[in-house]
Amino acid sequence: MSAIDDVLRANESYAKAFTLGSLPKPPARKLAVVACMDARLSVEQFLGLKTGEAHIIRNAGGVVTEDVLRSLLISHYVLGTQEFAIVNHTDCGMLSFTEEELRSRLEKSTGVSAVVPAYFYSFRDIEENVRRQIQRLRSHAWIPSEITLRGFVYEVESGRLREVVPELARRVG
């Protein structure tokens, strides 16, 4: 039996007791979170969120890609979110390779070169990556300046979040 078969069986049980079908589309806390896809991160749990309270947008590295930006713009302009949080984490797999290393590994493994994806967005410093994601959002013309935007590093070893001071504030303070 495959993992997908297992989750389909689990869904049968879940659906029998399902009571959340009437939740409104807009997230109750007006919050959108960009986080890494790492399976060790139970984002709703470590943020104390319940279903329906926030949009959780996940990808490798918790990076603001074009698709994440698209989701955040819809989250804000269509569904009313007013706060964005960026959450990266310790021991992230994105720290384990460079763009060139992964591209070379893929070309060697498959025997072909590809144009897409153009970037994998690997990084060497977690806090600097969080700052970079904040800056990507702050510098975008369609992200209103009044959006609350904060960044964090989740420590997989302790379960704690620590806030990352944005570059501008760090220089001034």
N, C-alpha and C. Protein backbone atom coordinates (compact mmCIF):
# COMPACT_ATOMS: atom_id res chain seq x y z
N MET A 1 0.85 -1.18 0.00
CA MET A 1 0.00 0.00 0.00
C MET A 1 0.90 1.24 0.00
N SER A 2 0.53 2.24 -0.78
CA SER A 2 1.33 3.45 -0.89
C SER A 2 0.96 4.46 0.19
N ALA A 3 1.80 5.46 0.36
CA ALA A 3 1.53 6.55 1.31
C ALA A 3 0.25 7.27 0.91
N ILE A 4 0.02 7.44 -0.40
CA ILE A 4 -1.21 8.11 -0.84
C ILE A 4 -2.44 7.29 -0.48
N ASP A 5 -2.36 5.98 -0.62
CA ASP A 5 -3.48 5.12 -0.20
C ASP A 5 -3.74 5.27 1.30
N ASP A 6 -2.67 5.36 2.08
CA ASP A 6 -2.81 5.55 3.53
C ASP A 6 -3.52 6.86 3.85
N VAL A 7 -3.13 7.93 3.18
CA VAL A 7 -3.76 9.22 3.49
C VAL A 7 -5.21 9.27 2.99
N LEU A 8 -5.51 8.55 1.93
CA LEU A 8 -6.90 8.48 1.47
C LEU A 8 -7.78 7.77 2.49
N ARG A 9 -7.24 6.71 3.09
CA ARG A 9 -7.98 6.02 4.15
C ARG A 9 -8.17 6.94 5.36
N ALA A 10 -7.15 7.67 5.71
CA ALA A 10 -7.26 8.61 6.83
C ALA A 10 -8.29 9.70 6.53
N ASN A 11 -8.36 10.12 5.28
CA ASN A 11 -9.33 11.14 4.90
C ASN A 11 -10.76 10.65 5.06
N GLU A 12 -10.99 9.38 4.81
CA GLU A 12 -12.33 8.82 5.00
C GLU A 12 -12.79 9.04 6.44
N SER A 13 -11.92 8.75 7.39
CA SER A 13 -12.25 8.94 8.80
C SER A 13 -12.44 10.42 9.12
N TYR A 14 -11.57 11.24 8.60
CA TYR A 14 -11.65 12.69 8.81
C TYR A 14 -12.98 13.24 8.30
N ALA A 15 -13.37 12.85 7.10
CA ALA A 15 -14.59 13.37 6.49
C ALA A 15 -15.84 12.98 7.28
N LYS A 16 -15.82 11.81 7.91
CA LYS A 16 -16.98 11.38 8.69
C LYS A 16 -17.27 12.30 9.87
N ALA A 17 -16.22 12.88 10.45
CA ALA A 17 -16.39 13.76 11.62
C ALA A 17 -16.22 15.24 11.26
N PHE A 18 -16.19 15.57 9.98
CA PHE A 18 -15.90 16.93 9.51
C PHE A 18 -16.98 17.93 9.93
N THR A 19 -16.55 19.06 10.51
CA THR A 19 -17.49 20.09 10.97
C THR A 19 -17.08 21.50 10.53
N LEU A 20 -16.10 21.62 9.65
CA LEU A 20 -15.57 22.94 9.31
C LEU A 20 -16.06 23.47 7.96
N GLY A 21 -17.07 22.86 7.38
CA GLY A 21 -17.54 23.23 6.05
C GLY A 21 -18.14 24.61 5.91
N SER A 22 -18.45 25.26 7.01
CA SER A 22 -19.09 26.58 6.93
C SER A 22 -18.14 27.73 7.28
N LEU A 23 -16.84 27.45 7.37
CA LEU A 23 -15.90 28.54 7.66
C LEU A 23 -15.90 29.55 6.51
N PRO A 24 -15.77 30.85 6.83
CA PRO A 24 -15.70 31.86 5.77
C PRO A 24 -14.37 31.79 5.01
N LYS A 25 -14.35 32.27 3.76
CA LYS A 25 -13.12 32.27 2.96
C LYS A 25 -12.02 33.15 3.55
N PRO A 26 -12.33 34.38 3.97
CA PRO A 26 -11.26 35.23 4.52
C PRO A 26 -10.74 34.66 5.84
N PRO A 27 -9.42 34.66 6.02
CA PRO A 27 -8.88 34.15 7.28
C PRO A 27 -9.24 35.06 8.46
N ALA A 28 -9.72 34.46 9.53
CA ALA A 28 -10.24 35.20 10.68
C ALA A 28 -9.23 36.17 11.30
N ARG A 29 -7.96 35.81 11.30
CA ARG A 29 -6.95 36.68 11.92
C ARG A 29 -6.33 37.66 10.92
N LYS A 30 -6.80 37.64 9.68
CA LYS A 30 -6.28 38.52 8.63
C LYS A 30 -4.76 38.39 8.48
N LEU A 31 -4.29 37.15 8.58
CA LEU A 31 -2.87 36.84 8.58
C LEU A 31 -2.53 35.89 7.44
N ALA A 32 -1.41 36.15 6.77
CA ALA A 32 -0.85 35.21 5.79
C ALA A 32 0.57 34.89 6.22
N VAL A 33 0.92 33.61 6.17
CA VAL A 33 2.23 33.14 6.59
C VAL A 33 2.91 32.46 5.41
N VAL A 34 4.16 32.85 5.15
CA VAL A 34 4.99 32.17 4.15
C VAL A 34 5.99 31.34 4.92
N ALA A 35 5.96 30.03 4.73
CA ALA A 35 6.83 29.14 5.49
C ALA A 35 7.42 28.07 4.58
N CYS A 36 8.43 27.41 5.10
CA CYS A 36 9.08 26.32 4.37
C CYS A 36 8.17 25.09 4.34
N MET A 37 8.38 24.25 3.33
CA MET A 37 7.60 23.03 3.19
C MET A 37 8.10 21.89 4.06
N ASP A 38 9.19 22.09 4.79
CA ASP A 38 9.80 21.05 5.61
C ASP A 38 8.74 20.31 6.43
N ALA A 39 8.75 18.99 6.34
CA ALA A 39 7.74 18.17 7.00
C ALA A 39 7.80 18.25 8.52
N ARG A 40 8.88 18.74 9.08
CA ARG A 40 9.00 18.87 10.54
C ARG A 40 8.26 20.08 11.08
N LEU A 41 7.80 20.97 10.19
CA LEU A 41 7.13 22.20 10.62
C LEU A 41 5.62 22.02 10.64
N SER A 42 5.04 22.04 11.81
CA SER A 42 3.58 22.06 11.97
C SER A 42 3.21 23.52 12.19
N VAL A 43 3.14 24.26 11.11
CA VAL A 43 3.02 25.71 11.16
C VAL A 43 1.83 26.16 12.01
N GLU A 44 0.66 25.62 11.76
CA GLU A 44 -0.51 26.03 12.53
C GLU A 44 -0.30 25.77 14.02
N GLN A 45 0.30 24.64 14.35
CA GLN A 45 0.50 24.30 15.76
C GLN A 45 1.49 25.25 16.44
N PHE A 46 2.67 25.48 15.83
CA PHE A 46 3.64 26.31 16.55
C PHE A 46 3.28 27.79 16.54
N LEU A 47 2.32 28.18 15.70
CA LEU A 47 1.83 29.56 15.73
C LEU A 47 0.52 29.68 16.52
N GLY A 48 0.02 28.57 17.02
CA GLY A 48 -1.22 28.61 17.80
C GLY A 48 -2.44 28.96 16.96
N LEU A 49 -2.45 28.53 15.70
CA LEU A 49 -3.54 28.85 14.79
C LEU A 49 -4.50 27.68 14.63
N LYS A 50 -5.76 28.02 14.40
CA LYS A 50 -6.77 27.02 14.10
C LYS A 50 -7.13 27.14 12.62
N THR A 51 -7.75 26.09 12.10
CA THR A 51 -8.23 26.12 10.71
C THR A 51 -9.11 27.34 10.51
N GLY A 52 -8.85 28.06 9.43
CA GLY A 52 -9.66 29.23 9.10
C GLY A 52 -9.11 30.55 9.61
N GLU A 53 -8.01 30.51 10.35
CA GLU A 53 -7.48 31.75 10.93
C GLU A 53 -6.41 32.42 10.08
N ALA A 54 -5.73 31.68 9.20
CA ALA A 54 -4.64 32.28 8.42
C ALA A 54 -4.44 31.53 7.12
N HIS A 55 -3.88 32.23 6.15
CA HIS A 55 -3.41 31.55 4.93
C HIS A 55 -1.99 31.08 5.20
N ILE A 56 -1.71 29.84 4.91
CA ILE A 56 -0.37 29.28 5.07
C ILE A 56 0.13 28.94 3.67
N ILE A 57 1.18 29.62 3.23
CA ILE A 57 1.75 29.43 1.90
C ILE A 57 3.12 28.81 2.10
N ARG A 58 3.33 27.61 1.56
CA ARG A 58 4.57 26.89 1.82
C ARG A 58 5.29 26.54 0.52
N ASN A 59 6.62 26.64 0.59
CA ASN A 59 7.46 26.15 -0.51
C ASN A 59 8.84 25.85 0.07
N ALA A 60 9.72 25.32 -0.75
CA ALA A 60 11.07 25.00 -0.29
C ALA A 60 11.79 26.28 0.11
N GLY A 61 12.10 26.42 1.38
CA GLY A 61 12.84 27.57 1.87
C GLY A 61 12.01 28.73 2.38
N GLY A 62 10.69 28.69 2.22
CA GLY A 62 9.88 29.84 2.64
C GLY A 62 10.29 31.09 1.89
N VAL A 63 10.41 30.97 0.57
CA VAL A 63 10.93 32.03 -0.28
C VAL A 63 9.79 32.74 -1.01
N VAL A 64 9.91 34.06 -1.13
CA VAL A 64 8.93 34.85 -1.86
C VAL A 64 9.24 34.75 -3.35
N THR A 65 8.67 33.74 -3.97
CA THR A 65 8.79 33.54 -5.41
C THR A 65 7.64 34.28 -6.09
N GLU A 66 7.60 34.23 -7.41
CA GLU A 66 6.51 34.87 -8.14
C GLU A 66 5.16 34.28 -7.71
N ASP A 67 5.10 32.96 -7.51
CA ASP A 67 3.84 32.35 -7.12
C ASP A 67 3.43 32.71 -5.69
N VAL A 68 4.39 32.82 -4.79
CA VAL A 68 4.08 33.26 -3.42
C VAL A 68 3.57 34.69 -3.46
N LEU A 69 4.21 35.53 -4.22
CA LEU A 69 3.75 36.92 -4.37
C LEU A 69 2.32 36.95 -4.89
N ARG A 70 2.03 36.15 -5.92
CA ARG A 70 0.68 36.05 -6.46
C ARG A 70 -0.31 35.68 -5.36
N SER A 71 0.03 34.69 -4.56
CA SER A 71 -0.85 34.25 -3.48
C SER A 71 -1.04 35.33 -2.43
N LEU A 72 0.02 36.03 -2.07
CA LEU A 72 -0.09 37.10 -1.07
C LEU A 72 -0.93 38.27 -1.57
N LEU A 73 -0.80 38.61 -2.83
CA LEU A 73 -1.62 39.69 -3.40
C LEU A 73 -3.10 39.32 -3.38
N ILE A 74 -3.42 38.08 -3.73
CA ILE A 74 -4.80 37.62 -3.65
C ILE A 74 -5.26 37.59 -2.19
N SER A 75 -4.40 37.10 -1.31
CA SER A 75 -4.71 37.04 0.11
C SER A 75 -5.09 38.42 0.65
N HIS A 76 -4.32 39.42 0.27
CA HIS A 76 -4.58 40.78 0.77
C HIS A 76 -5.75 41.45 0.05
N TYR A 77 -5.66 41.56 -1.27
CA TYR A 77 -6.63 42.36 -2.02
C TYR A 77 -7.99 41.69 -2.18
N VAL A 78 -8.04 40.37 -2.21
CA VAL A 78 -9.30 39.68 -2.40
C VAL A 78 -9.87 39.18 -1.07
N LEU A 79 -9.00 38.73 -0.17
CA LEU A 79 -9.47 38.08 1.06
C LEU A 79 -9.13 38.83 2.34
N GLY A 80 -8.55 40.02 2.21
CA GLY A 80 -8.47 40.94 3.33
C GLY A 80 -7.37 40.77 4.36
N THR A 81 -6.34 39.98 4.07
CA THR A 81 -5.28 39.86 5.08
C THR A 81 -4.55 41.20 5.22
N GLN A 82 -4.09 41.47 6.44
CA GLN A 82 -3.44 42.73 6.76
C GLN A 82 -2.03 42.55 7.32
N GLU A 83 -1.67 41.30 7.61
CA GLU A 83 -0.36 41.01 8.17
C GLU A 83 0.26 39.82 7.44
N PHE A 84 1.57 39.94 7.16
CA PHE A 84 2.31 38.86 6.53
C PHE A 84 3.46 38.46 7.45
N ALA A 85 3.66 37.17 7.63
CA ALA A 85 4.80 36.66 8.40
C ALA A 85 5.61 35.73 7.51
N ILE A 86 6.93 35.89 7.54
CA ILE A 86 7.85 35.01 6.85
C ILE A 86 8.48 34.11 7.91
N VAL A 87 8.42 32.79 7.71
CA VAL A 87 8.99 31.86 8.68
C VAL A 87 9.96 30.91 7.98
N ASN A 88 11.23 31.06 8.27
CA ASN A 88 12.26 30.10 7.86
C ASN A 88 12.61 29.27 9.09
N HIS A 89 13.53 28.34 8.96
CA HIS A 89 13.83 27.49 10.12
C HIS A 89 15.27 27.00 10.10
N THR A 90 15.73 26.60 11.28
CA THR A 90 17.07 26.04 11.40
C THR A 90 17.12 24.69 10.71
N ASP A 91 18.31 24.26 10.36
CA ASP A 91 18.54 22.96 9.73
C ASP A 91 17.75 22.79 8.43
N CYS A 92 17.60 23.88 7.68
CA CYS A 92 16.84 23.84 6.43
C CYS A 92 17.65 23.17 5.32
N GLY A 93 16.98 22.36 4.53
CA GLY A 93 17.63 21.69 3.41
C GLY A 93 18.18 22.66 2.37
N MET A 94 17.63 23.87 2.30
CA MET A 94 18.09 24.86 1.33
C MET A 94 19.51 25.35 1.63
N LEU A 95 19.98 25.08 2.84
CA LEU A 95 21.35 25.43 3.23
C LEU A 95 22.37 24.41 2.74
N SER A 96 21.89 23.28 2.22
CA SER A 96 22.78 22.16 1.92
C SER A 96 23.31 22.11 0.49
N PHE A 97 22.97 23.09 -0.33
CA PHE A 97 23.44 23.09 -1.71
C PHE A 97 23.49 24.51 -2.25
N THR A 98 24.22 24.68 -3.33
CA THR A 98 24.20 25.95 -4.06
C THR A 98 23.40 25.74 -5.33
N GLU A 99 23.04 26.83 -5.96
CA GLU A 99 22.32 26.77 -7.24
C GLU A 99 23.08 25.90 -8.23
N GLU A 100 24.38 26.18 -8.34
CA GLU A 100 25.21 25.48 -9.32
C GLU A 100 25.31 23.99 -9.01
N GLU A 101 25.48 23.65 -7.73
CA GLU A 101 25.59 22.24 -7.34
C GLU A 101 24.32 21.46 -7.69
N LEU A 102 23.16 22.03 -7.37
CA LEU A 102 21.92 21.32 -7.64
C LEU A 102 21.66 21.21 -9.15
N ARG A 103 21.88 22.28 -9.87
CA ARG A 103 21.68 22.23 -11.33
C ARG A 103 22.59 21.17 -11.95
N SER A 104 23.84 21.14 -11.51
CA SER A 104 24.79 20.15 -12.03
C SER A 104 24.34 18.74 -11.67
N ARG A 105 23.89 18.54 -10.43
CA ARG A 105 23.42 17.22 -9.99
C ARG A 105 22.22 16.76 -10.83
N LEU A 106 21.30 17.67 -11.10
CA LEU A 106 20.11 17.32 -11.88
C LEU A 106 20.47 17.00 -13.32
N GLU A 107 21.36 17.79 -13.91
CA GLU A 107 21.77 17.53 -15.29
C GLU A 107 22.51 16.20 -15.40
N LYS A 108 23.35 15.92 -14.41
CA LYS A 108 24.08 14.65 -14.42
C LYS A 108 23.12 13.47 -14.22
N SER A 109 22.18 13.63 -13.31
CA SER A 109 21.23 12.56 -13.00
C SER A 109 20.27 12.27 -14.14
N THR A 110 19.82 13.32 -14.83
CA THR A 110 18.81 13.14 -15.88
C THR A 110 19.41 13.07 -17.27
N GLY A 111 20.61 13.62 -17.43
CA GLY A 111 21.24 13.65 -18.73
C GLY A 111 20.76 14.78 -19.63
N VAL A 112 19.96 15.69 -19.07
CA VAL A 112 19.47 16.83 -19.85
C VAL A 112 19.59 18.13 -19.07
N SER A 113 19.65 19.22 -19.83
CA SER A 113 19.67 20.56 -19.27
C SER A 113 18.28 21.15 -19.42
N ALA A 114 17.84 21.93 -18.45
CA ALA A 114 16.50 22.54 -18.52
C ALA A 114 16.59 24.02 -18.20
N VAL A 115 15.67 24.77 -18.75
CA VAL A 115 15.62 26.22 -18.54
C VAL A 115 14.85 26.55 -17.26
N VAL A 116 13.83 25.78 -16.96
CA VAL A 116 12.95 26.04 -15.82
C VAL A 116 13.12 24.93 -14.80
N PRO A 117 13.24 25.19 -13.51
CA PRO A 117 13.22 26.51 -12.90
C PRO A 117 14.54 27.26 -13.13
N ALA A 118 14.41 28.57 -13.24
CA ALA A 118 15.59 29.40 -13.44
C ALA A 118 16.42 29.47 -12.16
N TYR A 119 15.74 29.43 -11.00
CA TYR A 119 16.42 29.52 -9.71
C TYR A 119 15.81 28.52 -8.74
N PHE A 120 16.64 28.04 -7.83
CA PHE A 120 16.16 27.18 -6.75
C PHE A 120 16.10 27.95 -5.43
N TYR A 121 16.71 29.13 -5.40
CA TYR A 121 16.70 30.04 -4.24
C TYR A 121 17.39 29.44 -3.01
N SER A 122 18.49 28.73 -3.23
CA SER A 122 19.27 28.24 -2.09
C SER A 122 19.87 29.43 -1.35
N PHE A 123 20.27 29.21 -0.12
CA PHE A 123 20.87 30.29 0.67
C PHE A 123 21.83 29.71 1.68
N ARG A 124 22.69 30.56 2.22
CA ARG A 124 23.71 30.12 3.19
C ARG A 124 23.46 30.63 4.60
N ASP A 125 22.58 31.62 4.75
CA ASP A 125 22.33 32.25 6.05
C ASP A 125 20.82 32.41 6.22
N ILE A 126 20.27 31.77 7.24
CA ILE A 126 18.81 31.77 7.44
C ILE A 126 18.28 33.17 7.72
N GLU A 127 18.91 33.88 8.65
CA GLU A 127 18.41 35.22 8.98
C GLU A 127 18.50 36.16 7.79
N GLU A 128 19.58 36.06 7.03
CA GLU A 128 19.73 36.90 5.84
C GLU A 128 18.65 36.55 4.82
N ASN A 129 18.30 35.28 4.71
CA ASN A 129 17.24 34.89 3.79
C ASN A 129 15.90 35.49 4.22
N VAL A 130 15.61 35.47 5.50
CA VAL A 130 14.37 36.08 5.99
C VAL A 130 14.36 37.57 5.63
N ARG A 131 15.47 38.25 5.88
CA ARG A 131 15.55 39.68 5.53
C ARG A 131 15.34 39.90 4.03
N ARG A 132 15.91 39.03 3.22
CA ARG A 132 15.77 39.14 1.76
C ARG A 132 14.30 39.00 1.35
N GLN A 133 13.57 38.07 1.98
CA GLN A 133 12.16 37.88 1.64
C GLN A 133 11.33 39.09 2.06
N ILE A 134 11.63 39.63 3.22
CA ILE A 134 10.94 40.85 3.67
C ILE A 134 11.19 41.98 2.68
N GLN A 135 12.44 42.13 2.26
CA GLN A 135 12.78 43.19 1.31
C GLN A 135 12.08 43.00 -0.02
N ARG A 136 11.97 41.76 -0.48
CA ARG A 136 11.25 41.49 -1.74
C ARG A 136 9.81 41.99 -1.65
N LEU A 137 9.19 41.76 -0.51
CA LEU A 137 7.81 42.22 -0.35
C LEU A 137 7.74 43.73 -0.15
N ARG A 138 8.62 44.27 0.68
CA ARG A 138 8.61 45.71 0.94
C ARG A 138 8.86 46.53 -0.33
N SER A 139 9.64 45.99 -1.25
CA SER A 139 9.99 46.75 -2.44
C SER A 139 9.00 46.56 -3.59
N HIS A 140 8.00 45.70 -3.40
CA HIS A 140 7.04 45.47 -4.49
C HIS A 140 5.97 46.56 -4.50
N ALA A 141 5.71 47.09 -5.69
CA ALA A 141 4.78 48.21 -5.84
C ALA A 141 3.36 47.88 -5.39
N TRP A 142 2.95 46.63 -5.44
CA TRP A 142 1.58 46.29 -5.08
C TRP A 142 1.39 45.85 -3.63
N ILE A 143 2.46 45.80 -2.87
CA ILE A 143 2.34 45.49 -1.44
C ILE A 143 2.26 46.81 -0.69
N PRO A 144 1.09 47.12 -0.11
CA PRO A 144 0.94 48.40 0.59
C PRO A 144 1.90 48.53 1.77
N SER A 145 2.41 49.73 1.97
CA SER A 145 3.36 49.97 3.06
C SER A 145 2.74 49.74 4.43
N GLU A 146 1.42 49.83 4.53
CA GLU A 146 0.77 49.63 5.83
C GLU A 146 0.59 48.16 6.21
N ILE A 147 0.92 47.24 5.31
CA ILE A 147 0.88 45.81 5.65
C ILE A 147 1.93 45.55 6.73
N THR A 148 1.52 44.94 7.82
CA THR A 148 2.48 44.51 8.83
C THR A 148 3.24 43.33 8.26
N LEU A 149 4.56 43.42 8.27
CA LEU A 149 5.42 42.39 7.68
C LEU A 149 6.55 42.09 8.65
N ARG A 150 6.57 40.85 9.16
CA ARG A 150 7.60 40.45 10.12
C ARG A 150 8.18 39.10 9.73
N GLY A 151 9.42 38.87 10.14
CA GLY A 151 10.10 37.64 9.80
C GLY A 151 10.62 36.90 11.02
N PHE A 152 10.69 35.58 10.90
CA PHE A 152 11.06 34.74 12.03
C PHE A 152 11.89 33.54 11.58
N VAL A 153 12.64 33.01 12.54
CA VAL A 153 13.31 31.72 12.36
C VAL A 153 12.72 30.79 13.40
N TYR A 154 12.20 29.67 12.93
CA TYR A 154 11.69 28.62 13.81
C TYR A 154 12.84 27.67 14.09
N GLU A 155 13.07 27.40 15.36
CA GLU A 155 14.15 26.50 15.76
C GLU A 155 13.59 25.08 15.86
N VAL A 156 13.95 24.23 14.89
CA VAL A 156 13.42 22.86 14.89
C VAL A 156 13.88 22.07 16.11
N GLU A 157 14.96 22.50 16.72
CA GLU A 157 15.50 21.79 17.89
C GLU A 157 14.70 22.09 19.16
N SER A 158 14.11 23.30 19.26
CA SER A 158 13.43 23.69 20.50
C SER A 158 11.95 24.00 20.32
N GLY A 159 11.51 24.22 19.08
CA GLY A 159 10.12 24.61 18.84
C GLY A 159 9.86 26.10 19.01
N ARG A 160 10.91 26.87 19.27
CA ARG A 160 10.75 28.31 19.50
C ARG A 160 10.90 29.11 18.22
N LEU A 161 10.21 30.24 18.21
CA LEU A 161 10.37 31.23 17.13
C LEU A 161 11.23 32.36 17.65
N ARG A 162 12.11 32.85 16.77
CA ARG A 162 12.83 34.07 17.13
C ARG A 162 12.68 35.05 15.99
N GLU A 163 12.40 36.28 16.34
CA GLU A 163 12.17 37.31 15.34
C GLU A 163 13.48 37.77 14.72
N VAL A 164 13.44 38.04 13.43
CA VAL A 164 14.58 38.55 12.69
C VAL A 164 14.36 40.04 12.46
N VAL A 165 15.33 40.83 12.88
CA VAL A 165 15.23 42.27 12.72
C VAL A 165 15.52 42.61 11.25
N PRO A 166 14.61 43.34 10.61
CA PRO A 166 14.87 43.72 9.22
C PRO A 166 16.15 44.53 9.09
N GLU A 167 16.79 44.45 7.94
CA GLU A 167 18.08 45.10 7.69
C GLU A 167 18.06 46.58 8.01
N LEU A 168 17.05 47.30 7.55
CA LEU A 168 16.97 48.75 7.76
C LEU A 168 16.95 49.07 9.25
N ALA A 169 16.10 48.39 10.00
CA ALA A 169 16.00 48.63 11.44
C ALA A 169 17.29 48.26 12.14
N ARG A 170 17.96 47.21 11.65
CA ARG A 170 19.20 46.76 12.28
C ARG A 170 20.29 47.80 12.10
N ARG A 171 20.36 48.43 10.92
CA ARG A 171 21.37 49.46 10.66
C ARG A 171 21.14 50.70 11.50
N VAL A 172 19.88 51.11 11.62
CA VAL A 172 19.54 52.33 12.37
C VAL A 172 19.73 52.13 13.85
N GLY A 173 19.27 50.98 14.37
CA GLY A 173 19.26 50.71 15.80
C GLY A 173 20.58 50.23 16.23
